[in-house]
Amino acid sequence: MIGTQLRELRSKRGLSLRALAAETGLSPTLLSQVERGVTDPSLATLRRLAAVFGESVSSLFDDAAAPAVWVSRPGERTMLSGPRGLVGYERLTPGNGQLEVLRAVLPPGAATSTEPWAHPSVECAFVIAGPLSVEIAGRTHRVAGGEAITFDSRQPHRYLNESPDPVEYIVSVNPPSP
């Protein structure tokens, strides 16, 4: 559970909720809710926390009990939300710090972020039901259902749905980004 792992990392550093809030720019209330499992953190929140702890986002997940074989089942997956709740991600892989695979459904007219952003990874998106628009370094690539796009995510990027229907896709990130 993310909350348990966050509490442990915060305790190891000797940080109070208020001190962690000051370092991350997040509210103490939000951090408390995440620690207690009352709310799921957004990816932006996870990235801020990981940056403070000098860890990857995957380190915020409790991986001590992660088995050598992982079966991901609907209804049992950890959910992550994108910026402002525009997209929700289902975490398909255990957080072992080596690979992150997420499933997303992007609503019509939505984008994963207001501005493109970059991180030091390689990213691959496979479109289950599309089309998905992928903005990379100022250029838009259209990816249809059944197609995939792979790119160096050090280039500023974001995903957009310019269609009237939801777009479903799988994103793989290696290594998981903070």
Protein backbone atom coordinates (compact mmCIF):
# COMPACT_ATOMS: atom_id res chain seq x y z
CA MET A 1 0.00 0.00 0.00
CA ILE A 2 1.29 3.42 -0.97
CA GLY A 3 0.28 5.00 2.33
CA THR A 4 2.26 2.52 4.42
CA GLN A 5 5.36 2.92 2.26
CA LEU A 6 5.07 6.72 2.34
CA ARG A 7 4.77 6.71 6.14
CA GLU A 8 7.86 4.47 6.41
CA LEU A 9 9.94 6.65 4.07
CA ARG A 10 8.83 9.79 5.92
CA SER A 11 9.64 8.25 9.31
CA LYS A 12 13.08 7.07 8.17
CA ARG A 13 13.84 10.66 7.20
CA GLY A 14 12.46 12.00 10.48
CA LEU A 15 9.98 14.24 8.66
CA SER A 16 6.65 15.35 10.03
CA LEU A 17 3.70 15.63 7.65
CA ARG A 18 4.12 19.41 7.71
CA ALA A 19 7.84 19.19 6.90
CA LEU A 20 7.16 16.80 4.01
CA ALA A 21 4.39 19.08 2.80
CA ALA A 22 6.79 22.05 2.80
CA GLU A 23 9.37 20.10 0.78
CA THR A 24 6.87 18.80 -1.79
CA GLY A 25 4.51 21.77 -2.05
CA LEU A 26 1.63 19.43 -1.18
CA SER A 27 -0.81 19.98 1.66
CA PRO A 28 -0.38 18.12 4.97
CA THR A 29 -4.05 17.09 4.69
CA LEU A 30 -3.48 15.43 1.31
CA LEU A 31 -0.38 13.63 2.59
CA SER A 32 -2.28 12.41 5.64
CA GLN A 33 -5.12 11.13 3.44
CA VAL A 34 -2.64 9.26 1.22
CA GLU A 35 -0.92 7.71 4.25
CA ARG A 36 -4.26 6.57 5.70
CA GLY A 37 -5.44 5.18 2.35
CA VAL A 38 -8.35 7.62 2.20
CA THR A 39 -7.34 8.94 -1.23
CA ASP A 40 -5.23 7.70 -4.13
CA PRO A 41 -2.37 10.02 -5.08
CA SER A 42 -2.02 11.43 -8.57
CA LEU A 43 1.07 10.70 -10.62
CA ALA A 44 2.15 14.31 -10.12
CA THR A 45 1.91 13.80 -6.34
CA LEU A 46 3.89 10.56 -6.56
CA ARG A 47 6.58 12.27 -8.63
CA ARG A 48 6.92 15.09 -6.08
CA LEU A 49 7.21 12.60 -3.23
CA ALA A 50 9.71 10.43 -5.09
CA ALA A 51 11.85 13.48 -5.88
CA VAL A 52 12.00 14.47 -2.19
CA PHE A 53 13.02 10.96 -1.16
CA GLY A 54 15.46 10.57 -4.09
CA GLU A 55 13.58 7.44 -5.14
CA SER A 56 11.65 6.21 -8.15
CA VAL A 57 7.86 6.38 -8.14
CA SER A 58 7.78 2.59 -7.89
CA SER A 59 9.64 2.77 -4.56
CA LEU A 60 6.53 4.34 -3.04
CA PHE A 61 4.70 1.05 -3.44
CA ASP A 62 5.11 -1.67 -0.82
CA ASP A 63 7.10 -4.26 -2.74
CA ALA A 64 8.28 -6.40 0.16
CA ALA A 65 5.57 -8.95 -0.53
CA ALA A 66 5.82 -8.79 -4.34
CA PRO A 67 6.02 -12.38 -5.55
CA ALA A 68 8.39 -13.68 -8.24
CA VAL A 69 5.29 -14.21 -10.39
CA TRP A 70 2.68 -11.47 -10.50
CA VAL A 71 -0.90 -11.89 -11.72
CA SER A 72 -2.73 -8.60 -12.19
CA ARG A 73 -6.48 -8.92 -11.74
CA PRO A 74 -9.20 -6.32 -12.40
CA GLY A 75 -10.53 -4.85 -9.18
CA GLU A 76 -7.32 -5.68 -7.29
CA ARG A 77 -5.01 -3.22 -9.06
CA THR A 78 -3.63 -0.03 -7.60
CA MET A 79 -5.15 3.04 -9.22
CA LEU A 80 -3.17 6.18 -9.95
CA SER A 81 -4.69 9.39 -11.19
CA GLY A 82 -3.10 11.76 -13.64
CA PRO A 83 -2.94 15.52 -13.19
CA ARG A 84 -6.30 17.00 -12.13
CA GLY A 85 -7.90 13.57 -12.44
CA LEU A 86 -7.98 13.80 -16.25
CA VAL A 87 -6.90 10.20 -16.62
CA GLY A 88 -6.80 7.24 -14.28
CA TYR A 89 -4.09 4.60 -14.56
CA GLU A 90 -4.41 0.99 -13.46
CA ARG A 91 -1.04 -0.34 -12.37
CA LEU A 92 -0.54 -3.68 -14.15
CA THR A 93 2.91 -4.51 -12.78
CA PRO A 94 4.32 -4.81 -9.29
CA GLY A 95 6.63 -1.93 -8.41
CA ASN A 96 10.01 -3.57 -8.58
CA GLY A 97 11.75 -0.48 -9.97
CA GLN A 98 12.49 -2.14 -13.31
CA LEU A 99 9.35 -1.73 -15.39
CA GLU A 100 6.07 0.15 -15.04
CA VAL A 101 3.04 -0.91 -17.09
CA LEU A 102 -0.17 1.10 -16.78
CA ARG A 103 -3.60 0.85 -18.40
CA ALA A 104 -5.49 4.08 -19.07
CA VAL A 105 -8.76 5.28 -20.52
CA LEU A 106 -8.56 8.89 -21.70
CA PRO A 107 -11.94 10.66 -22.00
CA PRO A 108 -12.90 12.53 -25.20
CA GLY A 109 -11.11 15.86 -25.52
CA ALA A 110 -8.81 15.16 -22.56
CA ALA A 111 -5.02 15.23 -22.24
CA THR A 112 -2.76 13.55 -19.70
CA SER A 113 -1.26 16.92 -18.76
CA THR A 114 -1.73 20.57 -19.61
CA GLU A 115 1.84 20.81 -20.91
CA PRO A 116 4.23 18.18 -22.26
CA TRP A 117 6.83 16.96 -19.76
CA ALA A 118 9.95 14.79 -19.93
CA HIS A 119 11.62 12.12 -17.80
CA PRO A 120 14.65 9.84 -18.31
CA SER A 121 13.00 6.66 -19.60
CA VAL A 122 11.89 4.84 -22.71
CA GLU A 123 8.14 4.76 -23.13
CA CYS A 124 5.87 2.58 -25.24
CA ALA A 125 2.13 3.08 -25.64
CA PHE A 126 -0.06 0.37 -27.19
CA VAL A 127 -3.50 1.58 -28.23
CA ILE A 128 -6.29 -0.88 -27.50
CA ALA A 129 -9.10 1.36 -28.74
CA GLY A 130 -8.18 4.62 -30.39
CA PRO A 131 -7.09 6.80 -32.01
CA LEU A 132 -4.62 8.28 -29.55
CA SER A 133 -2.67 11.46 -30.28
CA VAL A 134 0.82 11.56 -28.81
CA GLU A 135 2.58 14.93 -28.71
CA ILE A 136 6.37 14.47 -28.65
CA ALA A 137 8.76 17.42 -28.89
CA GLY A 138 6.09 19.62 -30.46
CA ARG A 139 5.04 17.09 -33.12
CA THR A 140 1.76 15.13 -32.93
CA HIS A 141 1.69 11.45 -33.85
CA ARG A 142 -1.65 9.68 -34.40
CA VAL A 143 -1.71 6.07 -33.20
CA ALA A 144 -4.68 3.85 -34.10
CA GLY A 145 -6.10 0.85 -32.24
CA GLY A 146 -3.71 -2.09 -32.49
CA GLU A 147 -0.72 0.19 -33.11
CA ALA A 148 2.06 1.16 -30.71
CA ILE A 149 4.47 4.06 -30.39
CA THR A 150 7.85 3.91 -28.64
CA PHE A 151 9.98 6.96 -27.88
CA ASP A 152 12.71 8.43 -25.72
CA SER A 153 10.68 10.11 -23.00
CA ARG A 154 13.43 12.63 -22.31
CA GLN A 155 11.59 14.48 -25.08
CA PRO A 156 8.66 16.53 -23.72
CA HIS A 157 5.49 14.56 -24.36
CA ARG A 158 1.85 14.00 -23.45
CA TYR A 159 -1.12 11.93 -24.58
CA LEU A 160 -4.30 13.48 -26.02
CA ASN A 161 -7.70 12.21 -27.08
CA GLU A 162 -8.92 14.34 -29.97
CA SER A 163 -11.77 11.93 -30.80
CA PRO A 164 -15.39 11.90 -29.58
CA ASP A 165 -14.92 8.49 -27.90
CA PRO A 166 -12.78 7.31 -24.95
CA VAL A 167 -9.32 5.99 -25.89
CA GLU A 168 -7.94 2.94 -24.09
CA TYR A 169 -4.21 2.30 -24.07
CA ILE A 170 -1.37 0.58 -22.23
CA VAL A 171 1.81 2.50 -21.33
CA SER A 172 5.10 0.80 -20.48
CA VAL A 173 7.91 2.84 -18.94
CA ASN A 174 11.45 1.59 -18.44
CA PRO A 175 12.89 2.44 -16.03
CA PRO A 176 9.95 3.79 -14.02
CA SER A 177 10.33 7.53 -13.75
CA PRO A 178 10.36 9.61 -10.59
